[in-house]
N, C-alpha and C. Protein backbone atom coordinates (compact mmCIF):
# COMPACT_ATOMS: atom_id res chain seq x y z
N MET A 1 150.63 -76.68 36.01
CA MET A 1 149.29 -76.60 36.43
C MET A 1 148.49 -77.59 36.46
N THR A 2 148.11 -77.98 38.48
CA THR A 2 147.35 -78.96 38.49
C THR A 2 145.68 -79.08 37.40
N SER A 3 145.48 -80.62 37.60
CA SER A 3 144.34 -80.50 36.81
C SER A 3 143.01 -79.74 37.47
N ASP A 4 143.27 -79.66 38.41
CA ASP A 4 141.91 -78.63 38.88
C ASP A 4 142.40 -77.13 38.72
N GLN A 5 143.74 -76.53 37.95
CA GLN A 5 143.75 -75.40 37.61
C GLN A 5 143.25 -74.72 36.34
N ASN A 6 142.27 -74.34 36.55
CA ASN A 6 141.47 -74.20 35.04
C ASN A 6 141.74 -73.22 34.98
N PRO A 7 142.24 -72.34 33.40
CA PRO A 7 142.29 -70.90 33.78
C PRO A 7 141.20 -70.12 33.63
N ASP A 8 139.88 -70.95 33.40
CA ASP A 8 138.98 -69.73 33.53
C ASP A 8 137.81 -70.12 34.24
N LYS A 9 138.30 -71.01 35.23
CA LYS A 9 137.74 -70.97 36.67
C LYS A 9 137.81 -70.21 37.76
N VAL A 10 136.67 -69.60 37.91
CA VAL A 10 136.04 -68.74 38.91
C VAL A 10 135.58 -69.22 40.10
N PRO A 11 136.04 -68.73 41.52
CA PRO A 11 135.38 -69.70 42.85
C PRO A 11 134.11 -69.14 42.69
N THR A 12 133.23 -70.09 43.54
CA THR A 12 132.07 -69.95 42.87
C THR A 12 131.62 -69.84 44.65
N GLU A 13 131.97 -69.87 45.58
CA GLU A 13 131.82 -69.68 46.79
C GLU A 13 132.66 -67.84 47.27
N HIS A 14 131.65 -67.15 47.50
CA HIS A 14 132.50 -65.71 47.57
C HIS A 14 132.64 -65.50 48.74
N ARG A 15 133.57 -65.83 49.98
CA ARG A 15 134.35 -65.73 51.16
C ARG A 15 135.17 -64.33 50.97
N PRO A 16 135.54 -63.64 51.60
CA PRO A 16 136.34 -62.61 51.94
C PRO A 16 137.74 -62.93 50.99
N LYS A 17 138.05 -64.31 51.45
CA LYS A 17 139.64 -64.15 50.74
C LYS A 17 139.81 -64.44 49.08
N ASP A 18 138.25 -64.84 48.73
CA ASP A 18 138.31 -65.43 47.19
C ASP A 18 139.37 -64.69 46.57
N LEU A 19 138.52 -63.09 46.20
CA LEU A 19 139.29 -61.96 45.60
C LEU A 19 140.50 -62.21 45.67
N ALA A 20 141.31 -62.18 47.21
CA ALA A 20 142.75 -62.19 47.42
C ALA A 20 142.98 -63.01 46.70
N HIS A 21 142.91 -64.44 46.43
CA HIS A 21 143.46 -65.70 45.98
C HIS A 21 143.47 -65.18 44.50
N LEU A 22 142.36 -64.64 44.13
CA LEU A 22 142.04 -64.73 42.44
C LEU A 22 143.37 -63.62 42.07
N VAL A 23 143.21 -62.63 42.95
CA VAL A 23 144.02 -61.83 42.18
C VAL A 23 145.94 -62.58 41.94
N VAL A 24 146.05 -62.76 43.44
CA VAL A 24 147.11 -63.67 43.42
C VAL A 24 147.43 -64.80 42.28
N ASP A 25 146.54 -65.45 42.01
CA ASP A 25 146.36 -66.74 40.94
C ASP A 25 146.34 -65.93 39.49
N ILE A 26 146.11 -64.84 39.31
CA ILE A 26 146.17 -64.06 37.97
C ILE A 26 147.68 -63.22 37.81
N LEU A 27 148.09 -62.85 38.83
CA LEU A 27 149.46 -62.46 38.99
C LEU A 27 150.51 -63.48 38.55
N ALA A 28 150.29 -64.71 39.39
CA ALA A 28 151.15 -65.57 39.31
C ALA A 28 150.89 -66.58 37.33
N GLY A 29 149.66 -66.30 37.01
CA GLY A 29 149.64 -66.55 35.65
C GLY A 29 148.71 -68.14 35.51
N PHE A 30 148.41 -68.65 36.84
CA PHE A 30 147.60 -69.56 37.35
C PHE A 30 146.30 -69.40 35.98
N ILE A 31 145.44 -68.23 36.21
CA ILE A 31 144.28 -67.72 35.64
C ILE A 31 144.25 -67.05 34.60
N HIS A 32 143.85 -66.54 33.79
CA HIS A 32 143.06 -65.97 32.64
C HIS A 32 142.91 -64.35 33.55
N ALA A 33 143.37 -63.19 33.21
CA ALA A 33 142.79 -62.13 34.12
C ALA A 33 141.64 -61.77 34.05
N GLY A 34 140.59 -62.46 32.49
CA GLY A 34 139.20 -61.81 32.65
C GLY A 34 138.55 -62.98 33.61
N ALA A 35 138.95 -63.48 34.33
CA ALA A 35 138.43 -64.12 35.60
C ALA A 35 138.09 -63.58 36.27
N LEU A 36 138.69 -62.28 36.60
CA LEU A 36 138.42 -61.26 37.76
C LEU A 36 136.74 -60.95 37.21
N LEU A 37 136.76 -59.80 36.04
CA LEU A 37 135.58 -59.57 35.70
C LEU A 37 134.30 -60.34 35.46
N ASN A 38 135.03 -61.79 35.40
CA ASN A 38 133.74 -63.13 35.75
C ASN A 38 133.30 -62.97 36.94
N TYR A 39 134.28 -62.70 37.82
CA TYR A 39 134.11 -63.08 39.48
C TYR A 39 133.48 -61.37 39.87
N LEU A 40 133.40 -60.41 39.77
CA LEU A 40 132.91 -59.54 40.25
C LEU A 40 131.42 -59.15 39.25
N ILE A 41 131.41 -59.47 38.08
CA ILE A 41 130.11 -59.19 36.95
C ILE A 41 129.22 -60.44 37.19
N THR A 42 129.48 -61.49 36.98
CA THR A 42 128.76 -62.73 37.15
C THR A 42 127.70 -62.74 38.09
N PRO A 43 128.09 -62.95 39.19
CA PRO A 43 127.18 -62.88 40.32
C PRO A 43 125.89 -62.00 40.39
N PRO A 44 126.57 -60.46 40.35
CA PRO A 44 125.31 -59.66 40.50
C PRO A 44 124.80 -59.55 39.17
N LEU A 45 124.93 -59.83 38.15
CA LEU A 45 124.01 -59.90 36.87
C LEU A 45 123.27 -61.04 36.93
N GLU A 46 123.67 -62.51 37.45
CA GLU A 46 122.61 -63.34 37.95
C GLU A 46 121.48 -62.98 38.11
N LYS A 47 121.69 -62.24 39.69
CA LYS A 47 121.04 -61.92 40.72
C LYS A 47 119.92 -60.96 40.14
N ARG A 48 120.52 -59.59 38.82
CA ARG A 48 119.23 -59.33 38.23
C ARG A 48 118.35 -59.89 37.15
N ARG A 49 119.18 -60.62 36.20
CA ARG A 49 118.43 -61.53 35.67
C ARG A 49 116.98 -62.11 36.50
N ASN A 50 117.76 -63.24 37.73
CA ASN A 50 116.22 -63.88 38.33
C ASN A 50 115.62 -62.74 38.94
N GLU A 51 115.64 -61.56 39.77
CA GLU A 51 115.15 -60.32 40.21
C GLU A 51 113.98 -59.85 39.06
N TRP A 52 114.47 -59.51 38.15
CA TRP A 52 113.73 -59.53 36.86
C TRP A 52 112.51 -60.12 36.41
N LEU A 53 112.93 -61.40 35.93
CA LEU A 53 112.22 -62.53 35.76
C LEU A 53 111.14 -63.13 36.66
N ASP A 54 111.26 -63.04 38.01
CA ASP A 54 110.74 -62.93 38.96
C ASP A 54 109.50 -61.76 38.90
N ALA A 55 109.99 -60.93 39.18
CA ALA A 55 109.12 -59.57 39.07
C ALA A 55 108.17 -59.67 37.30
N LEU A 56 108.46 -60.23 36.58
CA LEU A 56 108.08 -60.02 35.58
C LEU A 56 106.82 -61.00 35.74
N GLY A 57 107.60 -62.25 35.96
CA GLY A 57 106.62 -63.31 36.06
C GLY A 57 105.33 -62.97 37.13
N THR A 58 105.59 -62.46 38.37
CA THR A 58 104.47 -62.55 39.18
C THR A 58 103.16 -61.90 38.80
N ARG A 59 104.13 -60.61 37.60
CA ARG A 59 102.82 -59.76 37.32
C ARG A 59 102.13 -60.34 36.26
N LEU A 60 102.50 -61.14 35.35
CA LEU A 60 101.95 -61.64 34.41
C LEU A 60 100.77 -62.78 34.91
N VAL A 61 101.05 -63.25 36.27
CA VAL A 61 100.37 -64.03 36.51
C VAL A 61 98.91 -63.41 37.10
N GLN A 62 99.43 -62.34 37.73
CA GLN A 62 98.41 -61.13 38.52
C GLN A 62 97.39 -60.76 37.31
N LEU A 63 97.94 -60.74 35.85
CA LEU A 63 97.80 -60.16 35.31
C LEU A 63 96.39 -61.23 34.85
N GLU A 64 96.73 -62.10 34.18
CA GLU A 64 95.91 -63.28 33.89
C GLU A 64 95.02 -63.74 34.85
N LYS A 65 95.47 -63.43 35.98
CA LYS A 65 93.74 -63.55 37.46
C LYS A 65 93.02 -62.16 37.01
N GLU A 66 93.61 -60.99 36.65
CA GLU A 66 92.24 -60.26 36.94
C GLU A 66 91.90 -59.82 35.46
N LYS A 67 92.73 -60.23 34.14
CA LYS A 67 92.36 -59.76 32.89
C LYS A 67 91.73 -60.57 32.19
N GLY A 68 91.89 -62.19 33.30
CA GLY A 68 91.98 -63.89 32.23
C GLY A 68 92.69 -63.58 30.37
N ILE A 69 93.77 -63.05 31.00
CA ILE A 69 95.04 -63.18 29.95
C ILE A 69 95.25 -64.81 29.73
N SER A 70 95.68 -65.21 28.71
CA SER A 70 95.94 -66.38 28.60
C SER A 70 97.32 -66.76 28.29
N LEU A 71 98.34 -67.36 29.70
CA LEU A 71 99.59 -67.08 29.26
C LEU A 71 99.96 -68.22 28.23
N GLU A 72 99.38 -69.48 28.51
CA GLU A 72 99.87 -70.14 27.16
C GLU A 72 99.63 -69.71 25.72
N ASP A 73 99.16 -68.81 25.81
CA ASP A 73 98.84 -68.11 24.21
C ASP A 73 100.16 -67.55 23.61
N LEU A 74 100.61 -66.72 25.11
CA LEU A 74 102.03 -65.61 25.17
C LEU A 74 102.88 -66.84 24.25
N LYS A 75 103.11 -68.41 24.64
CA LYS A 75 104.22 -68.42 24.01
C LYS A 75 104.26 -68.48 22.07
N GLU A 76 103.21 -68.91 21.66
CA GLU A 76 103.07 -68.41 20.17
C GLU A 76 103.09 -66.81 19.84
N ASN A 77 103.10 -66.03 20.17
CA ASN A 77 102.93 -64.48 20.29
C ASN A 77 104.18 -64.11 20.15
N ASP A 78 104.59 -64.05 18.98
CA ASP A 78 106.29 -63.82 17.95
C ASP A 78 106.38 -61.70 18.65
N GLU A 79 105.09 -61.16 18.63
CA GLU A 79 105.37 -60.02 18.85
C GLU A 79 105.59 -59.79 20.49
N PHE A 80 105.01 -60.42 21.50
CA PHE A 80 105.04 -60.37 22.76
C PHE A 80 106.88 -61.01 22.96
N ILE A 81 107.18 -62.30 22.42
CA ILE A 81 108.65 -62.41 22.74
C ILE A 81 109.67 -61.76 22.19
N ASP A 82 109.33 -60.94 21.32
CA ASP A 82 110.32 -59.93 20.64
C ASP A 82 110.57 -58.79 21.93
N ILE A 83 109.50 -58.74 22.02
CA ILE A 83 109.35 -57.46 23.67
C ILE A 83 110.43 -57.72 24.41
N VAL A 84 109.65 -58.72 25.28
CA VAL A 84 110.16 -59.12 26.13
C VAL A 84 112.01 -59.47 26.11
N ILE A 85 112.53 -59.99 24.97
CA ILE A 85 113.68 -60.16 24.86
C ILE A 85 114.31 -59.02 25.00
N GLN A 86 113.80 -58.00 23.71
CA GLN A 86 114.58 -56.88 24.09
C GLN A 86 114.21 -55.86 25.17
N ALA A 87 113.65 -56.23 26.01
CA ALA A 87 113.35 -55.10 27.51
C ALA A 87 114.04 -55.94 28.76
N THR A 88 114.51 -57.54 28.44
CA THR A 88 115.23 -57.89 29.49
C THR A 88 116.41 -57.90 29.35
N GLN A 89 117.23 -57.64 27.90
CA GLN A 89 118.39 -57.18 27.73
C GLN A 89 118.85 -55.45 28.28
N ILE A 90 117.89 -54.68 27.91
CA ILE A 90 117.87 -53.54 28.52
C ILE A 90 117.76 -53.49 30.38
N ALA A 91 116.57 -54.44 31.13
CA ALA A 91 116.88 -54.17 32.27
C ALA A 91 117.55 -54.79 32.88
N LEU A 92 118.81 -55.72 32.51
CA LEU A 92 119.52 -56.17 32.81
C LEU A 92 121.20 -55.46 32.38
N ARG A 93 121.09 -54.25 32.40
CA ARG A 93 121.97 -53.48 31.84
C ARG A 93 121.56 -52.34 32.90
N SER A 94 120.75 -52.30 33.71
CA SER A 94 119.79 -51.11 34.59
C SER A 94 119.85 -51.38 36.11
N SER A 95 120.51 -50.81 36.93
CA SER A 95 120.24 -50.88 38.16
C SER A 95 119.28 -50.38 39.14
N GLN A 96 118.25 -49.27 37.90
CA GLN A 96 117.25 -48.31 38.13
C GLN A 96 115.74 -48.75 38.30
N GLU A 97 115.42 -48.65 39.50
CA GLU A 97 114.30 -49.32 39.55
C GLU A 97 113.14 -48.70 38.54
N GLU A 98 113.23 -47.86 38.71
CA GLU A 98 112.24 -46.68 37.36
C GLU A 98 112.21 -47.10 35.93
N LYS A 99 113.51 -47.62 35.44
CA LYS A 99 113.04 -48.08 34.35
C LYS A 99 112.75 -49.51 34.01
N LYS A 100 113.12 -49.84 35.08
CA LYS A 100 112.77 -51.33 35.17
C LYS A 100 111.05 -51.56 35.11
N GLU A 101 110.52 -50.47 35.98
CA GLU A 101 108.99 -50.38 36.16
C GLU A 101 108.46 -50.22 34.18
N ALA A 102 109.12 -49.07 33.64
CA ALA A 102 108.41 -48.26 32.95
C ALA A 102 108.91 -50.05 31.97
N LEU A 103 110.03 -50.68 31.47
CA LEU A 103 109.84 -51.89 30.69
C LEU A 103 108.74 -52.44 31.44
N LYS A 104 108.51 -53.20 32.45
CA LYS A 104 107.63 -54.18 32.62
C LYS A 104 106.43 -53.39 31.84
N ASN A 105 106.06 -52.31 32.68
CA ASN A 105 104.52 -52.00 32.18
C ASN A 105 104.56 -52.09 30.37
N ALA A 106 105.66 -51.62 29.72
CA ALA A 106 105.39 -51.60 28.45
C ALA A 106 105.35 -53.36 27.99
N ILE A 107 105.66 -54.26 29.06
CA ILE A 107 105.61 -55.74 28.39
C ILE A 107 103.82 -55.87 28.91
N LEU A 108 103.52 -55.86 29.78
CA LEU A 108 101.79 -55.40 29.97
C LEU A 108 101.08 -54.71 29.76
N ASN A 109 101.46 -54.14 28.88
CA ASN A 109 100.36 -53.16 27.91
C ASN A 109 100.68 -53.87 26.65
N ASN A 110 101.49 -54.29 26.08
CA ASN A 110 101.42 -55.11 25.01
C ASN A 110 100.81 -56.13 24.93
N VAL A 111 100.77 -57.27 26.27
CA VAL A 111 99.84 -58.26 26.74
C VAL A 111 98.21 -57.65 26.75
N CYS A 112 98.13 -56.91 27.17
CA CYS A 112 96.77 -56.36 27.28
C CYS A 112 96.65 -55.85 26.27
N GLY A 113 97.26 -55.56 24.48
CA GLY A 113 96.80 -55.18 23.95
C GLY A 113 96.28 -53.42 23.84
N LEU A 114 97.08 -52.92 24.35
CA LEU A 114 97.04 -51.52 25.01
C LEU A 114 98.35 -50.60 24.26
N ALA A 115 99.17 -51.19 23.66
CA ALA A 115 100.50 -51.05 23.16
C ALA A 115 100.35 -50.74 21.42
N PRO A 116 100.91 -50.24 20.83
CA PRO A 116 101.46 -49.33 19.72
C PRO A 116 101.73 -50.41 18.96
N ASP A 117 102.25 -50.24 17.19
CA ASP A 117 102.46 -50.88 16.73
C ASP A 117 104.08 -51.23 17.17
N LEU A 118 104.42 -52.75 16.24
CA LEU A 118 105.42 -53.38 17.01
C LEU A 118 106.64 -52.73 16.85
N SER A 119 106.55 -51.59 15.33
CA SER A 119 108.15 -50.85 15.49
C SER A 119 108.46 -49.45 16.31
N MET A 120 106.71 -49.17 16.79
CA MET A 120 106.45 -48.27 17.60
C MET A 120 107.33 -48.51 19.39
N GLN A 121 107.13 -49.58 19.31
CA GLN A 121 107.16 -50.37 20.59
C GLN A 121 108.63 -50.28 20.79
N GLN A 122 109.32 -50.76 19.73
CA GLN A 122 110.65 -51.07 19.64
C GLN A 122 111.05 -49.98 19.85
N MET A 123 111.27 -48.86 18.86
CA MET A 123 111.10 -47.53 19.51
C MET A 123 111.19 -47.31 21.00
N PHE A 124 109.83 -46.89 21.24
CA PHE A 124 109.79 -46.84 22.50
C PHE A 124 110.73 -47.34 23.77
N ILE A 125 111.12 -48.66 23.71
CA ILE A 125 111.86 -49.71 24.22
C ILE A 125 113.12 -48.90 24.35
N ASN A 126 113.83 -48.64 23.36
CA ASN A 126 114.66 -47.61 22.65
C ASN A 126 115.25 -46.66 23.55
N TYR A 127 114.11 -46.24 23.79
CA TYR A 127 114.05 -44.55 24.39
C TYR A 127 114.52 -44.96 25.79
N ILE A 128 113.97 -45.83 26.33
CA ILE A 128 113.82 -46.42 27.73
C ILE A 128 115.55 -46.28 28.20
N ASP A 129 116.17 -46.95 27.18
CA ASP A 129 117.24 -47.82 27.09
C ASP A 129 118.14 -46.44 27.18
N THR A 130 117.78 -45.62 26.39
CA THR A 130 119.27 -44.29 26.03
C THR A 130 118.55 -42.99 27.02
N PHE A 131 117.74 -43.07 27.18
CA PHE A 131 117.17 -41.74 28.11
C PHE A 131 117.31 -42.21 29.70
N THR A 132 117.70 -40.90 30.24
CA THR A 132 117.90 -41.17 31.93
C THR A 132 116.74 -41.22 32.67
N VAL A 133 116.53 -41.64 33.51
CA VAL A 133 115.43 -41.48 34.59
C VAL A 133 114.74 -40.01 34.50
N TRP A 134 115.31 -39.28 34.45
CA TRP A 134 115.38 -37.53 34.08
C TRP A 134 113.98 -37.09 33.02
N HIS A 135 114.68 -37.91 32.02
CA HIS A 135 114.20 -37.93 30.84
C HIS A 135 112.75 -38.19 30.77
N ILE A 136 112.38 -39.29 31.80
CA ILE A 136 111.32 -39.90 31.51
C ILE A 136 110.05 -38.97 32.47
N LYS A 137 111.05 -38.39 33.83
CA LYS A 137 110.21 -37.92 34.39
C LYS A 137 109.54 -36.57 33.87
N LEU A 138 110.40 -35.67 33.38
CA LEU A 138 110.12 -34.67 32.99
C LEU A 138 109.26 -34.23 31.63
N LEU A 139 109.12 -35.61 30.60
CA LEU A 139 108.00 -35.68 29.70
C LEU A 139 107.06 -36.28 30.98
N ASP A 140 106.86 -37.19 31.41
CA ASP A 140 105.50 -37.22 32.40
C ASP A 140 104.81 -36.13 32.66
N LEU A 141 105.80 -35.20 33.31
CA LEU A 141 105.55 -34.31 33.82
C LEU A 141 104.37 -33.17 32.96
N PHE A 142 105.16 -32.89 31.57
CA PHE A 142 104.58 -32.32 30.67
C PHE A 142 103.67 -32.53 29.80
N SER A 143 103.61 -34.12 29.95
CA SER A 143 102.35 -34.67 29.10
C SER A 143 101.06 -33.97 29.53
N ASP A 144 101.11 -33.74 31.05
CA ASP A 144 99.85 -33.25 31.54
C ASP A 144 100.44 -32.61 33.09
N PRO A 145 100.80 -31.43 33.16
CA PRO A 145 101.22 -31.32 34.47
C PRO A 145 100.07 -31.05 35.28
N VAL A 146 98.76 -30.72 35.27
CA VAL A 146 97.36 -30.95 36.11
C VAL A 146 97.27 -32.50 36.61
N ARG A 147 97.39 -33.25 35.62
CA ARG A 147 97.48 -34.91 36.00
C ARG A 147 98.65 -35.39 36.67
N TRP A 148 99.76 -34.59 36.48
CA TRP A 148 100.72 -35.20 36.84
C TRP A 148 100.91 -34.48 38.59
N ALA A 149 100.25 -33.89 39.07
CA ALA A 149 100.12 -32.88 40.02
C ALA A 149 99.25 -33.87 40.97
N LYS A 150 98.09 -34.06 40.47
CA LYS A 150 96.79 -34.96 40.88
C LYS A 150 97.63 -36.09 40.98
N LYS A 151 98.23 -37.03 40.41
CA LYS A 151 98.68 -38.32 40.62
C LYS A 151 100.08 -38.38 41.73
N VAL A 152 100.63 -37.25 41.91
CA VAL A 152 101.72 -37.11 43.17
C VAL A 152 101.38 -36.06 44.41
N ASP A 153 100.33 -35.67 44.26
CA ASP A 153 99.52 -35.18 45.63
C ASP A 153 100.18 -33.71 45.01
N HIS A 154 100.71 -32.84 44.40
CA HIS A 154 101.08 -31.09 44.40
C HIS A 154 100.23 -30.64 44.15
N SER A 155 100.93 -29.35 45.05
CA SER A 155 99.81 -28.11 44.37
C SER A 155 101.14 -27.02 43.66
N PHE A 156 101.13 -26.58 42.44
CA PHE A 156 101.67 -25.64 42.20
C PHE A 156 101.19 -24.15 42.71
N GLN A 157 102.35 -23.60 42.58
CA GLN A 157 102.05 -22.06 42.92
C GLN A 157 101.49 -21.61 41.96
N GLN A 158 100.14 -20.08 42.41
CA GLN A 158 100.16 -19.82 41.50
C GLN A 158 100.81 -18.60 40.97
N VAL A 159 101.26 -18.87 39.71
CA VAL A 159 101.52 -17.89 39.10
C VAL A 159 100.95 -17.02 37.57
N THR A 160 101.41 -15.63 37.31
CA THR A 160 100.75 -14.71 36.26
C THR A 160 101.54 -14.94 35.10
N THR A 161 102.66 -15.10 35.11
CA THR A 161 103.80 -15.58 33.62
C THR A 161 104.73 -16.11 34.84
N GLY A 162 105.97 -16.37 33.93
CA GLY A 162 107.02 -16.87 34.02
C GLY A 162 107.33 -18.33 32.92
N GLU A 163 108.69 -18.78 33.43
CA GLU A 163 109.00 -19.64 32.36
C GLU A 163 108.78 -21.08 32.59
N LEU A 164 108.67 -21.44 31.32
CA LEU A 164 108.25 -23.40 31.77
C LEU A 164 109.68 -24.05 32.90
N ALA A 165 110.49 -23.03 32.89
CA ALA A 165 111.92 -23.89 33.72
C ALA A 165 111.14 -24.31 35.37
N LEU A 166 110.31 -23.00 35.64
CA LEU A 166 110.04 -22.60 36.79
C LEU A 166 108.92 -24.00 37.35
N ILE A 167 108.42 -24.64 36.58
CA ILE A 167 107.47 -25.96 36.97
C ILE A 167 108.23 -27.08 36.95
N ILE A 168 109.32 -27.06 36.06
CA ILE A 168 110.51 -28.53 36.45
C ILE A 168 110.67 -27.90 37.53
N GLU A 169 111.60 -26.79 38.46
CA GLU A 169 111.94 -26.08 39.54
C GLU A 169 111.21 -26.42 40.70
N GLU A 170 109.82 -26.53 40.18
CA GLU A 170 108.94 -26.58 41.81
C GLU A 170 108.77 -27.91 41.91
N ALA A 171 108.59 -28.30 40.53
CA ALA A 171 108.00 -30.34 40.42
C ALA A 171 109.45 -31.00 40.87
N PHE A 172 110.56 -30.64 40.84
CA PHE A 172 111.44 -31.17 41.37
C PHE A 172 112.64 -30.28 41.55
N PRO A 173 112.87 -29.93 43.31
CA PRO A 173 113.30 -29.22 43.77
C PRO A 173 114.93 -29.89 43.73
N GLU A 174 114.74 -30.60 43.50
CA GLU A 174 116.58 -31.58 43.45
C GLU A 174 117.35 -30.89 42.25
N ILE A 175 116.88 -30.69 41.64
CA ILE A 175 117.42 -30.22 40.42
C ILE A 175 117.17 -29.01 39.63
N LYS A 176 116.69 -28.00 41.13
CA LYS A 176 116.59 -26.59 40.64
C LYS A 176 117.52 -25.97 40.40
N ASP A 177 119.02 -25.91 40.90
CA ASP A 177 120.06 -25.32 40.47
C ASP A 177 121.25 -26.38 39.58
N ARG A 178 120.64 -26.98 38.62
CA ARG A 178 121.01 -27.56 37.79
C ARG A 178 120.54 -27.55 36.36
N ARG A 179 120.58 -26.44 35.88
CA ARG A 179 120.09 -25.25 34.84
C ARG A 179 120.74 -26.30 33.50
N ASP A 180 121.53 -26.58 33.51
CA ASP A 180 122.26 -27.54 32.17
C ASP A 180 121.76 -28.45 32.12
N PHE A 181 121.91 -29.13 33.25
CA PHE A 181 121.69 -30.58 32.94
C PHE A 181 119.80 -30.66 32.74
N TYR A 182 119.28 -30.12 33.25
CA TYR A 182 117.44 -29.82 32.63
C TYR A 182 117.54 -29.58 30.88
N ASP A 183 118.06 -28.20 30.71
CA ASP A 183 117.96 -27.72 29.50
C ASP A 183 118.45 -28.86 28.91
N GLN A 184 119.50 -29.45 29.02
CA GLN A 184 119.85 -30.30 27.89
C GLN A 184 118.96 -31.86 27.59
N ILE A 185 118.54 -31.99 28.69
CA ILE A 185 117.20 -33.15 28.42
C ILE A 185 115.98 -32.84 28.07
N TRP A 186 115.72 -31.36 27.76
CA TRP A 186 115.05 -30.62 27.62
C TRP A 186 115.06 -30.81 25.91
N LYS A 187 116.36 -30.50 25.63
CA LYS A 187 116.69 -30.42 23.93
C LYS A 187 116.58 -32.00 23.42
N ASP A 188 117.11 -33.18 24.31
CA ASP A 188 117.04 -34.49 24.02
C ASP A 188 115.53 -34.39 23.55
N LEU A 189 114.73 -34.58 24.53
CA LEU A 189 113.17 -34.52 23.93
C LEU A 189 112.58 -33.91 22.79
N TYR A 190 112.99 -32.52 22.75
CA TYR A 190 112.48 -31.87 21.28
C TYR A 190 113.41 -32.54 20.25
N SER A 191 114.67 -32.77 20.06
CA SER A 191 115.18 -33.30 18.79
C SER A 191 114.47 -34.68 18.87
N ARG A 192 113.71 -35.11 19.45
CA ARG A 192 113.35 -36.60 19.07
C ARG A 192 111.98 -36.21 18.94
N GLY A 193 111.06 -35.14 18.99
CA GLY A 193 109.69 -34.99 18.65
C GLY A 193 108.93 -35.59 20.00
N LEU A 194 109.00 -35.53 20.62
CA LEU A 194 108.74 -35.78 22.04
C LEU A 194 107.92 -34.50 22.96
N VAL A 195 108.58 -33.39 22.75
CA VAL A 195 107.91 -32.41 23.32
C VAL A 195 107.99 -31.08 22.27
N ASN A 196 106.73 -30.68 22.25
CA ASN A 196 106.63 -29.37 21.08
C ASN A 196 107.17 -27.75 21.35
N THR A 197 107.57 -27.63 22.72
CA THR A 197 107.99 -26.15 22.69
C THR A 197 109.93 -26.33 22.69
N GLU A 198 109.97 -25.92 22.09
CA GLU A 198 111.89 -25.54 21.61
C GLU A 198 112.33 -25.50 23.38
N GLY A 199 111.85 -24.25 23.54
CA GLY A 199 112.80 -23.56 25.30
C GLY A 199 112.52 -23.77 26.36
N LEU A 200 112.83 -23.77 27.65
CA LEU A 200 111.98 -23.44 28.77
C LEU A 200 112.22 -22.42 29.15
N HIS A 201 112.49 -21.69 28.54
CA HIS A 201 113.44 -19.97 29.21
C HIS A 201 112.29 -18.78 27.93
N VAL A 202 111.17 -19.00 27.85
CA VAL A 202 110.23 -18.26 27.13
C VAL A 202 109.23 -18.21 28.47
N THR A 203 109.37 -16.75 28.14
CA THR A 203 107.87 -16.53 28.97
C THR A 203 106.57 -16.64 28.95
N MET A 204 105.83 -17.05 29.58
CA MET A 204 104.23 -17.70 29.29
C MET A 204 103.30 -17.03 30.47
N THR A 205 102.26 -16.87 30.27
CA THR A 205 100.90 -17.13 31.35
C THR A 205 101.07 -18.35 32.01
N GLY A 206 100.25 -17.90 33.17
CA GLY A 206 100.21 -19.20 33.66
C GLY A 206 99.11 -20.39 33.68
N SER A 207 98.43 -19.72 32.46
CA SER A 207 97.32 -21.35 32.02
C SER A 207 98.59 -21.76 31.00
N GLY A 208 99.57 -21.15 30.06
CA GLY A 208 100.64 -21.12 29.57
C GLY A 208 101.13 -22.28 30.05
N LEU A 209 101.82 -22.56 31.35
CA LEU A 209 103.00 -22.93 32.01
C LEU A 209 102.17 -24.41 32.63
N MET A 210 101.10 -24.37 32.75
CA MET A 210 100.68 -25.74 33.00
C MET A 210 99.65 -26.11 31.50
N SER A 211 99.99 -25.96 30.39
CA SER A 211 99.71 -26.84 29.02
C SER A 211 100.58 -27.68 29.00
N ARG A 212 99.58 -28.55 28.28
CA ARG A 212 100.60 -29.94 27.97
C ARG A 212 101.77 -29.30 26.81
N ARG A 213 102.85 -29.87 26.87
CA ARG A 213 103.91 -29.79 26.11
C ARG A 213 104.58 -30.95 25.26
N ALA A 214 103.70 -32.30 25.96
CA ALA A 214 103.84 -33.25 24.65
C ALA A 214 103.13 -33.41 23.64
N THR A 215 104.18 -33.86 22.98
CA THR A 215 103.38 -34.16 21.05
C THR A 215 103.03 -35.70 21.52
N SER A 216 102.07 -35.86 20.20
CA SER A 216 101.16 -36.95 20.35
C SER A 216 102.19 -38.20 20.50
N ILE A 217 103.13 -38.26 20.14
CA ILE A 217 104.10 -39.24 20.08
C ILE A 217 104.81 -39.23 21.30
N GLY A 218 105.13 -38.05 22.10
CA GLY A 218 105.50 -38.45 23.62
C GLY A 218 104.50 -38.79 24.32
N GLU A 219 103.13 -38.48 23.98
CA GLU A 219 101.70 -38.54 24.62
C GLU A 219 101.68 -40.37 24.69
N ALA A 220 102.12 -40.66 24.21
CA ALA A 220 101.95 -42.22 23.39
C ALA A 220 103.23 -43.03 24.18
N PHE A 221 104.34 -42.35 24.01
CA PHE A 221 105.28 -43.05 24.90
C PHE A 221 105.23 -43.39 26.32
N ILE A 222 104.67 -42.45 26.96
CA ILE A 222 103.95 -42.29 28.22
C ILE A 222 102.96 -43.16 28.87
N LYS A 223 102.02 -43.44 27.94
CA LYS A 223 100.94 -44.22 28.30
C LYS A 223 101.51 -45.55 27.72
N TYR A 224 102.40 -45.77 26.71
CA TYR A 224 103.03 -47.48 27.17
C TYR A 224 103.94 -47.78 28.13
N ILE A 225 104.34 -46.50 28.79
CA ILE A 225 105.51 -47.11 29.70
C ILE A 225 104.60 -47.01 30.96
N THR A 226 103.46 -46.50 31.26
CA THR A 226 102.47 -46.41 32.41
C THR A 226 101.68 -47.30 32.45
N SER A 227 101.60 -48.02 33.97
CA SER A 227 100.41 -49.21 34.09
C SER A 227 99.28 -48.01 34.62
N GLU A 228 98.19 -49.25 33.90
CA GLU A 228 96.74 -48.67 34.09
C GLU A 228 95.97 -49.02 35.16
């Protein structure tokens, strides 16, 4: 092996032929097979990290201008640092902008003093990590269907009786034919104590359908991950 054939070396220039050469070198035993994953994962991961930090930094600068927050003081704020580290680790694992926006809002609400205690914040951020985007969408909807409709400029059909599932299917027609999917999401939310109604398929009055179904902790979670 020549001096420049480092087993852990990964091509730094991403020309189309690099991958082919990398595979040949692995098969020939010149470099470790793990170098392939470094080649495939490291550049996108670095891109995610840079984009996340840039976006978060921009929001913090805006917050300083609009709210007079002292960015210098944040260096000494252990709670803020804990939340940023936890949120950043999750942001790097996700390609979904909805999750990243929720994480940024959580950090900004912490900075503005609009967050619950640290343990609750840590639990809420873990929810962002383990939940799908649809968990958050359904919880946001049922934290206040009337408010949600105004926010997204949606008009629900007038019904006198029906199931809660009707609200989901009208609000999100893209999952209308996926009952098993949204039923499972609802079970997850209920088991976590974030909604107060166990099932979606009990007949209710029209006013009942538009009632809030999020518990106090569910509403706190939505508030924490929402920008005001």
